PDB file of N, CA and C in Angstrom:
ATOM      1  N   MET A   1       0.493  -5.212 -18.561  1.00  0.00           N
ATOM      2  CA  MET A   1       1.351  -4.775 -17.499  1.00  0.00           C
ATOM      3  C   MET A   1       0.592  -4.903 -16.183  1.00  0.00           C
ATOM      4  N   ALA A   2       1.166  -5.592 -15.247  1.00  0.00           N
ATOM      5  CA  ALA A   2       0.547  -5.760 -13.937  1.00  0.00           C
ATOM      6  C   ALA A   2       0.688  -4.480 -13.125  1.00  0.00           C
ATOM      7  N   THR A   3      -0.335  -4.182 -12.337  1.00  0.00           N
ATOM      8  CA  THR A   3      -0.323  -2.986 -11.497  1.00  0.00           C
ATOM      9  C   THR A   3      -0.782  -3.343 -10.096  1.00  0.00           C
ATOM     10  N   ILE A   4      -0.465  -2.443  -9.174  1.00  0.00           N
ATOM     11  CA  ILE A   4      -0.978  -2.558  -7.813  1.00  0.00           C
ATOM     12  C   ILE A   4      -1.320  -1.161  -7.329  1.00  0.00           C
ATOM     13  N   ALA A   5      -2.467  -1.029  -6.691  1.00  0.00           N
ATOM     14  CA  ALA A   5      -2.887   0.262  -6.147  1.00  0.00           C
ATOM     15  C   ALA A   5      -2.414   0.368  -4.705  1.00  0.00           C
ATOM     16  N   MET A   6      -1.931   1.539  -4.338  1.00  0.00           N
ATOM     17  CA  MET A   6      -1.612   1.837  -2.942  1.00  0.00           C
ATOM     18  C   MET A   6      -2.785   2.650  -2.413  1.00  0.00           C
ATOM     19  N   THR A   7      -3.324   2.248  -1.279  1.00  0.00           N
ATOM     20  CA  THR A   7      -4.508   2.926  -0.771  1.00  0.00           C
ATOM     21  C   THR A   7      -4.422   3.128   0.736  1.00  0.00           C
ATOM     22  N   LEU A   8      -5.087   4.170   1.183  1.00  0.00           N
ATOM     23  CA  LEU A   8      -5.200   4.445   2.611  1.00  0.00           C
ATOM     24  C   LEU A   8      -6.570   4.048   3.132  1.00  0.00           C
ATOM     25  N   LYS A   9      -7.509   3.810   2.230  1.00  0.00           N
ATOM     26  CA  LYS A   9      -8.889   3.461   2.592  1.00  0.00           C
ATOM     27  C   LYS A   9      -9.313   2.194   1.870  1.00  0.00           C
ATOM     28  N   SER A  10      -9.272   1.079   2.573  1.00  0.00           N
ATOM     29  CA  SER A  10      -9.625  -0.192   1.936  1.00  0.00           C
ATOM     30  C   SER A  10     -11.098  -0.242   1.540  1.00  0.00           C
ATOM     31  N   GLU A  11     -11.972   0.459   2.290  1.00  0.00           N
ATOM     32  CA  GLU A  11     -13.407   0.439   1.976  1.00  0.00           C
ATOM     33  C   GLU A  11     -13.678   1.020   0.583  1.00  0.00           C
ATOM     34  N   VAL A  12     -13.009   2.115   0.268  1.00  0.00           N
ATOM     35  CA  VAL A  12     -13.185   2.750  -1.042  1.00  0.00           C
ATOM     36  C   VAL A  12     -12.590   1.865  -2.127  1.00  0.00           C
ATOM     37  N   THR A  13     -11.445   1.297  -1.857  1.00  0.00           N
ATOM     38  CA  THR A  13     -10.774   0.449  -2.832  1.00  0.00           C
ATOM     39  C   THR A  13     -11.607  -0.785  -3.152  1.00  0.00           C
ATOM     40  N   GLU A  14     -12.275  -1.354  -2.160  1.00  0.00           N
ATOM     41  CA  GLU A  14     -13.155  -2.497  -2.399  1.00  0.00           C
ATOM     42  C   GLU A  14     -14.271  -2.130  -3.366  1.00  0.00           C
ATOM     43  N   GLN A  15     -14.849  -0.955  -3.198  1.00  0.00           N
ATOM     44  CA  GLN A  15     -15.955  -0.518  -4.056  1.00  0.00           C
ATOM     45  C   GLN A  15     -15.499  -0.275  -5.484  1.00  0.00           C
ATOM     46  N   VAL A  16     -14.282   0.221  -5.655  1.00  0.00           N
ATOM     47  CA  VAL A  16     -13.763   0.503  -6.989  1.00  0.00           C
ATOM     48  C   VAL A  16     -13.457  -0.791  -7.726  1.00  0.00           C
ATOM     49  N   GLY A  17     -12.975  -1.799  -6.998  1.00  0.00           N
ATOM     50  CA  GLY A  17     -12.717  -3.108  -7.605  1.00  0.00           C
ATOM     51  C   GLY A  17     -11.414  -3.195  -8.368  1.00  0.00           C
ATOM     52  N   VAL A  18     -10.341  -2.647  -7.825  1.00  0.00           N
ATOM     53  CA  VAL A  18      -9.044  -2.741  -8.493  1.00  0.00           C
ATOM     54  C   VAL A  18      -8.564  -4.197  -8.482  1.00  0.00           C
ATOM     55  N   PRO A  19      -7.733  -4.593  -9.436  1.00  0.00           N
ATOM     56  CA  PRO A  19      -7.276  -5.975  -9.499  1.00  0.00           C
ATOM     57  C   PRO A  19      -6.498  -6.424  -8.263  1.00  0.00           C
ATOM     58  N   ARG A  20      -5.650  -5.541  -7.759  1.00  0.00           N
ATOM     59  CA  ARG A  20      -4.877  -5.855  -6.552  1.00  0.00           C
ATOM     60  C   ARG A  20      -4.499  -4.546  -5.886  1.00  0.00           C
ATOM     61  N   ALA A  21      -4.457  -4.572  -4.540  1.00  0.00           N
ATOM     62  CA  ALA A  21      -4.160  -3.336  -3.813  1.00  0.00           C
ATOM     63  C   ALA A  21      -3.406  -3.636  -2.530  1.00  0.00           C
ATOM     64  N   ALA A  22      -2.621  -2.660  -2.110  1.00  0.00           N
ATOM     65  CA  ALA A  22      -1.919  -2.695  -0.829  1.00  0.00           C
ATOM     66  C   ALA A  22      -2.474  -1.563   0.018  1.00  0.00           C
ATOM     67  N   VAL A  23      -2.898  -1.897   1.227  1.00  0.00           N
ATOM     68  CA  VAL A  23      -3.450  -0.904   2.148  1.00  0.00           C
ATOM     69  C   VAL A  23      -2.408  -0.592   3.199  1.00  0.00           C
ATOM     70  N   ILE A  24      -2.256   0.681   3.476  1.00  0.00           N
ATOM     71  CA  ILE A  24      -1.347   1.090   4.541  1.00  0.00           C
ATOM     72  C   ILE A  24      -2.075   2.094   5.417  1.00  0.00           C
ATOM     73  N   ARG A  25      -2.015   1.929   6.722  1.00  0.00           N
ATOM     74  CA  ARG A  25      -2.756   2.774   7.662  1.00  0.00           C
ATOM     75  C   ARG A  25      -1.893   3.956   8.099  1.00  0.00           C
ATOM     76  N   PHE A  26      -1.667   4.861   7.189  1.00  0.00           N
ATOM     77  CA  PHE A  26      -0.884   6.062   7.449  1.00  0.00           C
ATOM     78  C   PHE A  26      -1.771   7.281   7.222  1.00  0.00           C
ATOM     79  N   PRO A  27      -1.356   8.454   7.704  1.00  0.00           N
ATOM     80  CA  PRO A  27      -2.137   9.674   7.460  1.00  0.00           C
ATOM     81  C   PRO A  27      -2.157  10.030   5.968  1.00  0.00           C
ATOM     82  N   TYR A  28      -3.184  10.763   5.565  1.00  0.00           N
ATOM     83  CA  TYR A  28      -3.265  11.218   4.174  1.00  0.00           C
ATOM     84  C   TYR A  28      -2.019  12.018   3.812  1.00  0.00           C
ATOM     85  N   GLY A  29      -1.524  11.778   2.618  1.00  0.00           N
ATOM     86  CA  GLY A  29      -0.344  12.476   2.142  1.00  0.00           C
ATOM     87  C   GLY A  29       0.958  11.763   2.459  1.00  0.00           C
ATOM     88  N   TYR A  30       0.889  10.677   3.212  1.00  0.00           N
ATOM     89  CA  TYR A  30       2.088   9.947   3.621  1.00  0.00           C
ATOM     90  C   TYR A  30       1.960   8.457   3.283  1.00  0.00           C
ATOM     91  N   SER A  31       1.504   8.146   2.099  1.00  0.00           N
ATOM     92  CA  SER A  31       1.194   6.752   1.764  1.00  0.00           C
ATOM     93  C   SER A  31       2.408   5.838   1.694  1.00  0.00           C
ATOM     94  N   VAL A  32       3.613   6.380   1.627  1.00  0.00           N
ATOM     95  CA  VAL A  32       4.797   5.524   1.680  1.00  0.00           C
ATOM     96  C   VAL A  32       5.699   5.896   2.851  1.00  0.00           C
ATOM     97  N   GLY A  33       5.183   6.627   3.818  1.00  0.00           N
ATOM     98  CA  GLY A  33       5.958   6.930   5.017  1.00  0.00           C
ATOM     99  C   GLY A  33       6.251   8.402   5.189  1.00  0.00           C
ATOM    100  N   ALA A  34       6.916   8.690   6.290  1.00  0.00           N
ATOM    101  CA  ALA A  34       7.254  10.067   6.637  1.00  0.00           C
ATOM    102  C   ALA A  34       8.268  10.646   5.657  1.00  0.00           C
ATOM    103  N   ALA A  35       8.233  11.949   5.505  1.00  0.00           N
ATOM    104  CA  ALA A  35       9.179  12.638   4.629  1.00  0.00           C
ATOM    105  C   ALA A  35      10.609  12.344   5.073  1.00  0.00           C
ATOM    106  N   PHE A  36      11.459  12.086   4.115  1.00  0.00           N
ATOM    107  CA  PHE A  36      12.888  11.853   4.304  1.00  0.00           C
ATOM    108  C   PHE A  36      13.227  10.525   4.989  1.00  0.00           C
ATOM    109  N   ASP A  37      12.246   9.673   5.260  1.00  0.00           N
ATOM    110  CA  ASP A  37      12.530   8.346   5.812  1.00  0.00           C
ATOM    111  C   ASP A  37      12.683   7.386   4.632  1.00  0.00           C
ATOM    112  N   LEU A  38      13.811   7.518   3.961  1.00  0.00           N
ATOM    113  CA  LEU A  38      14.022   6.786   2.712  1.00  0.00           C
ATOM    114  C   LEU A  38      14.031   5.277   2.902  1.00  0.00           C
ATOM    115  N   ALA A  39      14.540   4.802   4.027  1.00  0.00           N
ATOM    116  CA  ALA A  39      14.584   3.361   4.259  1.00  0.00           C
ATOM    117  C   ALA A  39      13.171   2.787   4.341  1.00  0.00           C
ATOM    118  N   MET A  40      12.286   3.448   5.082  1.00  0.00           N
ATOM    119  CA  MET A  40      10.913   2.958   5.187  1.00  0.00           C
ATOM    120  C   MET A  40      10.189   3.094   3.849  1.00  0.00           C
ATOM    121  N   GLN A  41      10.362   4.208   3.171  1.00  0.00           N
ATOM    122  CA  GLN A  41       9.709   4.408   1.884  1.00  0.00           C
ATOM    123  C   GLN A  41      10.114   3.331   0.896  1.00  0.00           C
ATOM    124  N   ARG A  42      11.401   3.034   0.841  1.00  0.00           N
ATOM    125  CA  ARG A  42      11.900   2.003  -0.064  1.00  0.00           C
ATOM    126  C   ARG A  42      11.314   0.637   0.295  1.00  0.00           C
ATOM    127  N   SER A  43      11.240   0.344   1.579  1.00  0.00           N
ATOM    128  CA  SER A  43      10.710  -0.935   2.038  1.00  0.00           C
ATOM    129  C   SER A  43       9.226  -1.087   1.693  1.00  0.00           C
ATOM    130  N   ILE A  44       8.453  -0.033   1.893  1.00  0.00           N
ATOM    131  CA  ILE A  44       7.016  -0.066   1.589  1.00  0.00           C
ATOM    132  C   ILE A  44       6.784  -0.268   0.096  1.00  0.00           C
ATOM    133  N   VAL A  45       7.504   0.486  -0.725  1.00  0.00           N
ATOM    134  CA  VAL A  45       7.337   0.356  -2.179  1.00  0.00           C
ATOM    135  C   VAL A  45       7.751  -1.041  -2.636  1.00  0.00           C
ATOM    136  N   LYS A  46       8.846  -1.549  -2.100  1.00  0.00           N
ATOM    137  CA  LYS A  46       9.302  -2.898  -2.472  1.00  0.00           C
ATOM    138  C   LYS A  46       8.264  -3.948  -2.086  1.00  0.00           C
ATOM    139  N   ASP A  47       7.724  -3.850  -0.867  1.00  0.00           N
ATOM    140  CA  ASP A  47       6.710  -4.817  -0.432  1.00  0.00           C
ATOM    141  C   ASP A  47       5.451  -4.742  -1.296  1.00  0.00           C
ATOM    142  N   ALA A  48       5.037  -3.530  -1.640  1.00  0.00           N
ATOM    143  CA  ALA A  48       3.853  -3.368  -2.484  1.00  0.00           C
ATOM    144  C   ALA A  48       4.090  -3.967  -3.869  1.00  0.00           C
ATOM    145  N   LEU A  49       5.243  -3.714  -4.451  1.00  0.00           N
ATOM    146  CA  LEU A  49       5.534  -4.261  -5.781  1.00  0.00           C
ATOM    147  C   LEU A  49       5.641  -5.782  -5.757  1.00  0.00           C
ATOM    148  N   ASN A  50       6.157  -6.332  -4.683  1.00  0.00           N
ATOM    149  CA  ASN A  50       6.237  -7.797  -4.576  1.00  0.00           C
ATOM    150  C   ASN A  50       4.859  -8.440  -4.528  1.00  0.00           C
ATOM    151  N   LEU A  51       3.860  -7.718  -4.079  1.00  0.00           N
ATOM    152  CA  LEU A  51       2.493  -8.259  -4.053  1.00  0.00           C
ATOM    153  C   LEU A  51       1.971  -8.567  -5.453  1.00  0.00           C
ATOM    154  N   VAL A  52       2.500  -7.890  -6.461  1.00  0.00           N
ATOM    155  CA  VAL A  52       2.093  -8.168  -7.842  1.00  0.00           C
ATOM    156  C   VAL A  52       2.327  -9.644  -8.155  1.00  0.00           C
ATOM    157  N   TYR A  53       3.397 -10.211  -7.632  1.00  0.00           N
ATOM    158  CA  TYR A  53       3.729 -11.616  -7.882  1.00  0.00           C
ATOM    159  C   TYR A  53       3.022 -12.564  -6.920  1.00  0.00           C
ATOM    160  N   GLN A  54       2.644 -12.069  -5.741  1.00  0.00           N
ATOM    161  CA  GLN A  54       2.059 -12.930  -4.720  1.00  0.00           C
ATOM    162  C   GLN A  54       0.543 -13.059  -4.823  1.00  0.00           C
ATOM    163  N   ILE A  55      -0.126 -12.004  -5.248  1.00  0.00           N
ATOM    164  CA  ILE A  55      -1.592 -12.018  -5.310  1.00  0.00           C
ATOM    165  C   ILE A  55      -2.047 -12.799  -6.539  1.00  0.00           C
ATOM    166  N   GLU A  56      -2.891 -13.794  -6.316  1.00  0.00           N
ATOM    167  CA  GLU A  56      -3.357 -14.636  -7.419  1.00  0.00           C
ATOM    168  C   GLU A  56      -4.830 -14.423  -7.743  1.00  0.00           C
ATOM    169  N   GLU A  57      -5.620 -13.959  -6.786  1.00  0.00           N
ATOM    170  CA  GLU A  57      -7.055 -13.753  -6.996  1.00  0.00           C
ATOM    171  C   GLU A  57      -7.347 -12.286  -7.320  1.00  0.00           C
ATOM    172  N   PRO A  58      -8.202 -12.032  -8.304  1.00  0.00           N
ATOM    173  CA  PRO A  58      -8.573 -10.651  -8.612  1.00  0.00           C
ATOM    174  C   PRO A  58      -9.274  -9.980  -7.434  1.00  0.00           C
ATOM    175  N   ARG A  59      -9.153  -8.670  -7.368  1.00  0.00           N
ATOM    176  CA  ARG A  59      -9.791  -7.843  -6.338  1.00  0.00           C
ATOM    177  C   ARG A  59      -9.280  -8.172  -4.927  1.00  0.00           C
ATOM    178  N   THR A  60      -8.022  -8.566  -4.843  1.00  0.00           N
ATOM    179  CA  THR A  60      -7.412  -8.866  -3.549  1.00  0.00           C
ATOM    180  C   THR A  60      -6.798  -7.605  -2.964  1.00  0.00           C
ATOM    181  N   ILE A  61      -7.050  -7.386  -1.691  1.00  0.00           N
ATOM    182  CA  ILE A  61      -6.498  -6.239  -0.974  1.00  0.00           C
ATOM    183  C   ILE A  61      -5.679  -6.781   0.195  1.00  0.00           C
ATOM    184  N   VAL A  62      -4.417  -6.388   0.260  1.00  0.00           N
ATOM    185  CA  VAL A  62      -3.510  -6.854   1.307  1.00  0.00           C
ATOM    186  C   VAL A  62      -3.130  -5.673   2.198  1.00  0.00           C
ATOM    187  N   ARG A  63      -3.248  -5.866   3.500  1.00  0.00           N
ATOM    188  CA  ARG A  63      -2.860  -4.833   4.457  1.00  0.00           C
ATOM    189  C   ARG A  63      -1.376  -4.984   4.763  1.00  0.00           C
ATOM    190  N   LEU A  64      -0.612  -3.935   4.492  1.00  0.00           N
ATOM    191  CA  LEU A  64       0.816  -3.953   4.800  1.00  0.00           C
ATOM    192  C   LEU A  64       1.010  -3.757   6.309  1.00  0.00           C
ATOM    193  N   PRO A  65       2.028  -4.388   6.900  1.00  0.00           N
ATOM    194  CA  PRO A  65       2.165  -4.421   8.360  1.00  0.00           C
ATOM    195  C   PRO A  65       2.866  -3.218   8.994  1.00  0.00           C
ATOM    196  N   TYR A  66       2.994  -2.127   8.279  1.00  0.00           N
ATOM    197  CA  TYR A  66       3.730  -0.977   8.805  1.00  0.00           C
ATOM    198  C   TYR A  66       2.875  -0.150   9.758  1.00  0.00           C
ATOM    199  N   ARG A  67       3.556   0.504  10.719  1.00  0.00           N
ATOM    200  CA  ARG A  67       2.879   1.377  11.668  1.00  0.00           C
ATOM    201  C   ARG A  67       3.454   2.785  11.542  1.00  0.00           C
ATOM    202  N   TRP A  68       2.597   3.768  11.605  1.00  0.00           N
ATOM    203  CA  TRP A  68       3.035   5.159  11.493  1.00  0.00           C
ATOM    204  C   TRP A  68       3.837   5.559  12.730  1.00  0.00           C
ATOM    205  N   ARG A  69       5.021   6.094  12.513  1.00  0.00           N
ATOM    206  CA  ARG A  69       5.862   6.568  13.619  1.00  0.00           C
ATOM    207  C   ARG A  69       6.371   7.983  13.357  1.00  0.00           C
ATOM    208  N   GLY A  70       5.956   8.561  12.251  1.00  0.00           N
ATOM    209  CA  GLY A  70       6.425   9.903  11.901  1.00  0.00           C
ATOM    210  C   GLY A  70       5.645  10.988  12.616  1.00  0.00           C
ATOM    211  N   LYS A  71       6.096  12.191  12.422  1.00  0.00           N
ATOM    212  CA  LYS A  71       5.406  13.359  12.981  1.00  0.00           C
ATOM    213  C   LYS A  71       4.644  14.026  11.847  1.00  0.00           C
ATOM    214  N   LEU A  72       3.564  14.662  12.185  1.00  0.00           N
ATOM    215  CA  LEU A  72       2.781  15.398  11.184  1.00  0.00           C
ATOM    216  C   LEU A  72       3.091  16.862  11.244  1.00  0.00           C
TER     217      LEU A  72
END
């Protein structure tokens, strides 16, 4: 079964050596977006899952293009 890690810290993920990962630059606790922003959450999860098919090299980390716009 193919997997993808969602991470907020690419440096740590590089050291762990996961097969494939998606990095998102959001605050801790909000790895798929602000609370109740279902459209953004759905989009982030969909993009991360699509990376399973796109990433061909092991230990690849892809930065997702989203920007934090929520309130803390």
